Protein backbone atom coordinates (compact mmCIF):
# COMPACT_ATOMS: atom_id res chain seq x y z
CA MET A 1 88.75 95.99 82.74
CA LYS A 2 87.11 93.01 81.47
CA TYR A 3 83.87 91.21 81.35
CA LYS A 4 83.64 87.21 80.65
CA GLU A 5 81.12 87.11 77.72
CA ILE A 6 78.13 89.00 76.30
CA PRO A 7 75.21 87.47 77.80
CA GLU A 8 72.04 86.80 75.94
CA ILE A 9 69.36 89.54 76.22
CA ASN A 10 67.14 87.10 77.78
CA ASN A 11 69.59 86.24 80.37
CA CYS A 12 69.41 89.74 81.57
CA LEU A 13 67.39 92.23 83.39
CA GLU A 14 66.25 95.43 81.93
CA ILE A 15 66.80 98.23 84.25
CA GLY A 16 65.77 101.13 82.59
CA TYR A 17 66.95 103.45 79.97
CA ILE A 18 69.32 106.59 79.55
CA SER A 19 66.84 109.57 79.54
CA ARG A 20 69.13 112.62 78.86
CA PRO A 21 72.57 113.79 78.90
CA HIS A 22 74.12 115.41 81.85
CA GLY A 23 76.48 118.18 81.94
CA LYS A 24 79.04 118.63 78.81
CA ASP A 25 81.61 115.65 79.38
CA GLY A 26 79.12 112.83 78.51
CA GLU A 27 77.41 112.11 81.82
CA VAL A 28 73.78 110.78 81.53
CA LEU A 29 70.79 110.58 83.71
CA LEU A 30 69.43 107.05 83.88
CA SER A 31 65.69 106.53 84.50
CA ILE A 32 65.97 103.38 86.40
CA LYS A 33 63.19 100.23 87.13
CA ASN A 34 63.27 97.14 89.10
CA VAL A 35 66.25 97.61 90.88
CA ASP A 36 67.52 99.90 93.91
CA TYR A 37 70.18 102.37 93.08
CA GLU A 38 72.60 100.76 95.42
CA ASP A 39 72.42 97.72 93.59
CA ILE A 40 74.02 98.74 90.52
CA GLN A 41 76.24 101.70 91.57
CA ASP A 42 79.36 99.91 92.01
CA LEU A 43 78.94 97.90 89.04
CA PRO A 44 81.90 97.72 86.58
CA TYR A 45 79.87 98.15 83.51
CA LEU A 46 76.19 98.24 82.36
CA PHE A 47 75.00 96.49 78.89
CA LEU A 48 72.95 99.21 76.63
CA CYS A 49 71.08 97.82 73.77
CA ARG A 50 71.97 99.05 70.56
CA GLN A 51 70.89 97.62 67.31
CA GLU A 52 69.13 94.64 69.11
CA ARG A 53 72.34 93.47 70.74
CA LEU A 54 73.52 93.98 74.17
CA VAL A 55 77.08 96.26 74.30
CA PRO A 56 79.22 96.46 77.66
CA PHE A 57 79.89 100.03 78.55
CA PHE A 58 82.30 100.44 81.49
CA ILE A 59 81.28 103.14 84.34
CA GLU A 60 83.86 105.60 84.71
CA LYS A 61 81.58 106.92 87.59
CA ALA A 62 78.13 106.45 88.96
CA THR A 63 76.12 108.87 91.75
CA ILE A 64 73.22 109.29 93.23
CA LYS A 65 71.87 113.11 93.36
CA SER A 66 68.23 114.07 94.87
CA ASN A 67 66.79 110.72 93.77
CA SER A 68 68.35 110.31 90.29
CA PHE A 69 70.92 108.14 89.15
CA PHE A 70 74.22 109.78 86.58
CA VAL A 71 76.61 107.69 85.37
CA LYS A 72 79.53 108.70 83.20
CA PHE A 73 80.70 105.92 80.94
CA GLU A 74 84.13 105.44 79.82
CA ASP A 75 83.48 106.05 75.94
CA ILE A 76 81.05 108.71 76.24
CA ASN A 77 82.87 112.27 76.63
CA THR A 78 80.78 114.86 75.17
CA LEU A 79 77.29 116.19 75.07
CA GLU A 80 76.77 115.31 71.54
CA LYS A 81 77.93 111.77 71.98
CA ALA A 82 75.44 111.39 75.10
CA GLU A 83 72.58 112.52 73.18
CA GLN A 84 72.96 109.58 70.55
CA TYR A 85 72.27 107.23 73.51
CA CYS A 86 69.21 108.85 74.71
CA GLY A 87 66.46 106.30 74.57
CA THR A 88 68.76 103.35 74.80
CA LYS A 89 67.80 100.08 76.80
CA VAL A 90 69.86 99.71 79.87
CA TYR A 91 70.57 96.02 81.08
CA ILE A 92 72.52 94.08 84.08
CA GLU A 93 73.22 90.47 83.84
CA SER A 94 70.59 88.47 86.14
CA ASP A 95 72.29 86.66 88.73
CA GLU A 96 71.70 82.72 88.75
CA GLU A 97 70.83 82.72 92.26
CA GLN A 98 68.26 85.08 91.68
CA ASP A 99 66.49 82.86 88.96
CA ASP A 100 64.93 81.23 91.58
CA ASP A 101 63.55 84.21 93.24
CA ILE A 102 60.63 86.37 91.80
CA GLN A 103 62.00 89.85 90.59
CA ASP A 104 60.05 93.01 91.11
CA ASN A 105 59.30 93.15 87.06
CA ASP A 106 57.87 89.44 87.49
CA LEU A 107 54.96 90.90 89.66
CA VAL A 108 53.66 92.85 86.60
CA GLY A 109 49.88 91.34 86.01
CA PHE A 110 49.69 90.05 89.23
CA SER A 111 46.41 90.76 91.40
CA VAL A 112 46.97 92.42 94.52
CA ILE A 113 45.04 91.15 97.62
CA ASP A 114 44.46 93.18 101.09
CA PHE A 115 45.22 90.91 103.61
CA ASP A 116 42.89 92.48 106.36
CA THR A 117 39.88 92.37 104.01
CA GLN A 118 40.92 89.64 101.62
CA ALA A 119 39.54 91.87 98.62
CA THR A 120 41.21 91.78 95.55
CA ILE A 121 42.33 95.70 95.05
CA GLY A 122 43.32 95.46 91.46
CA THR A 123 46.48 94.18 89.07
CA ILE A 124 50.11 95.55 88.97
CA GLN A 125 50.64 97.72 85.88
CA GLU A 126 53.83 98.75 86.90
CA VAL A 127 56.93 98.17 89.43
CA ILE A 128 58.50 101.43 90.26
CA ALA A 129 61.89 101.48 92.21
CA TYR A 130 62.40 104.62 93.85
CA SER A 131 65.80 105.12 95.55
CA LEU A 132 64.62 103.55 98.84
CA ASN A 133 61.53 102.43 97.97
CA VAL A 134 59.30 100.11 95.65
CA VAL A 135 56.05 101.36 94.67
CA PHE A 136 53.27 99.17 92.75
CA ASP A 137 51.13 100.89 90.05
CA VAL A 138 47.98 99.01 90.68
CA LYS A 139 45.07 99.44 88.38
CA LYS A 140 41.60 99.10 90.05
CA GLY A 141 38.60 97.37 88.75
CA ASP A 142 37.02 101.07 88.32
CA GLY A 143 39.84 101.92 85.65
CA SER A 144 41.99 104.14 88.17
CA SER A 145 45.36 103.62 89.90
CA VAL A 146 46.56 103.56 93.26
CA LEU A 147 50.22 103.61 93.98
CA ILE A 148 51.03 100.81 96.80
CA PRO A 149 54.31 101.13 98.75
CA PHE A 150 56.11 97.69 99.07
CA ALA A 151 58.16 96.46 101.91
CA GLU A 152 58.86 93.00 103.07
CA ASP A 153 57.15 93.37 106.09
CA LEU A 154 54.01 94.24 104.41
CA LEU A 155 54.19 91.14 102.27
CA LYS A 156 52.00 88.20 103.52
CA GLU A 157 52.10 85.71 100.42
CA ILE A 158 53.41 85.64 97.12
CA ASN A 159 51.21 82.89 94.96
CA GLU A 160 52.99 82.37 91.58
CA GLU A 161 50.74 79.72 90.42
CA LEU A 162 47.57 81.99 90.88
CA ARG A 163 49.50 85.22 89.97
CA THR A 164 48.71 87.04 93.43
CA ILE A 165 50.12 89.05 95.77
CA THR A 166 49.00 89.45 99.46
CA LEU A 167 50.05 92.81 101.10
CA GLU A 168 49.11 94.48 104.50
CA ILE A 169 48.00 98.12 103.00
CA PRO A 170 48.84 100.88 104.85
CA ASP A 171 46.04 102.77 106.39
CA GLY A 172 44.82 105.41 103.97
CA ILE A 173 46.35 104.27 100.92
CA LEU A 174 42.97 103.18 99.25
CA GLU A 175 41.11 106.04 100.47
CA ALA A 176 42.41 108.41 97.87
């Protein structure tokens, strides 16, 4: 299998890192953020960042088990070799059509506004993509954090200029 050419790192999206080996045959567990598993499960390759450069690694097998994403790369065939890649950042190419759309990780630093009360809840510290859900880790004004689920039907407005996102907050989320 071939790839076009290796893109610049700033034209790619960091989707996570290799957290640990899984089994003896070189399979690894990826800690994923910013994308859904389904968006990357059928890709032919992922880019691993090695010595500040992107290197394509072809996927032999990718599986989702118990909200975890496991990948077997073609050239990583032993536990020892898989261990060498632990902590390595993983990237995918950004689609050109995505350039106009705001990405989940672009929302870090945005203020979250409650649609019903128009009150500012806090600032998004991290966007966490679970297998079926996206959750914002929001730091409130008092220094505490709250996890707010994100879904398209809860989104009321994104103002890139003011760096705000207005959401309909589900009942009980802010009362914890």
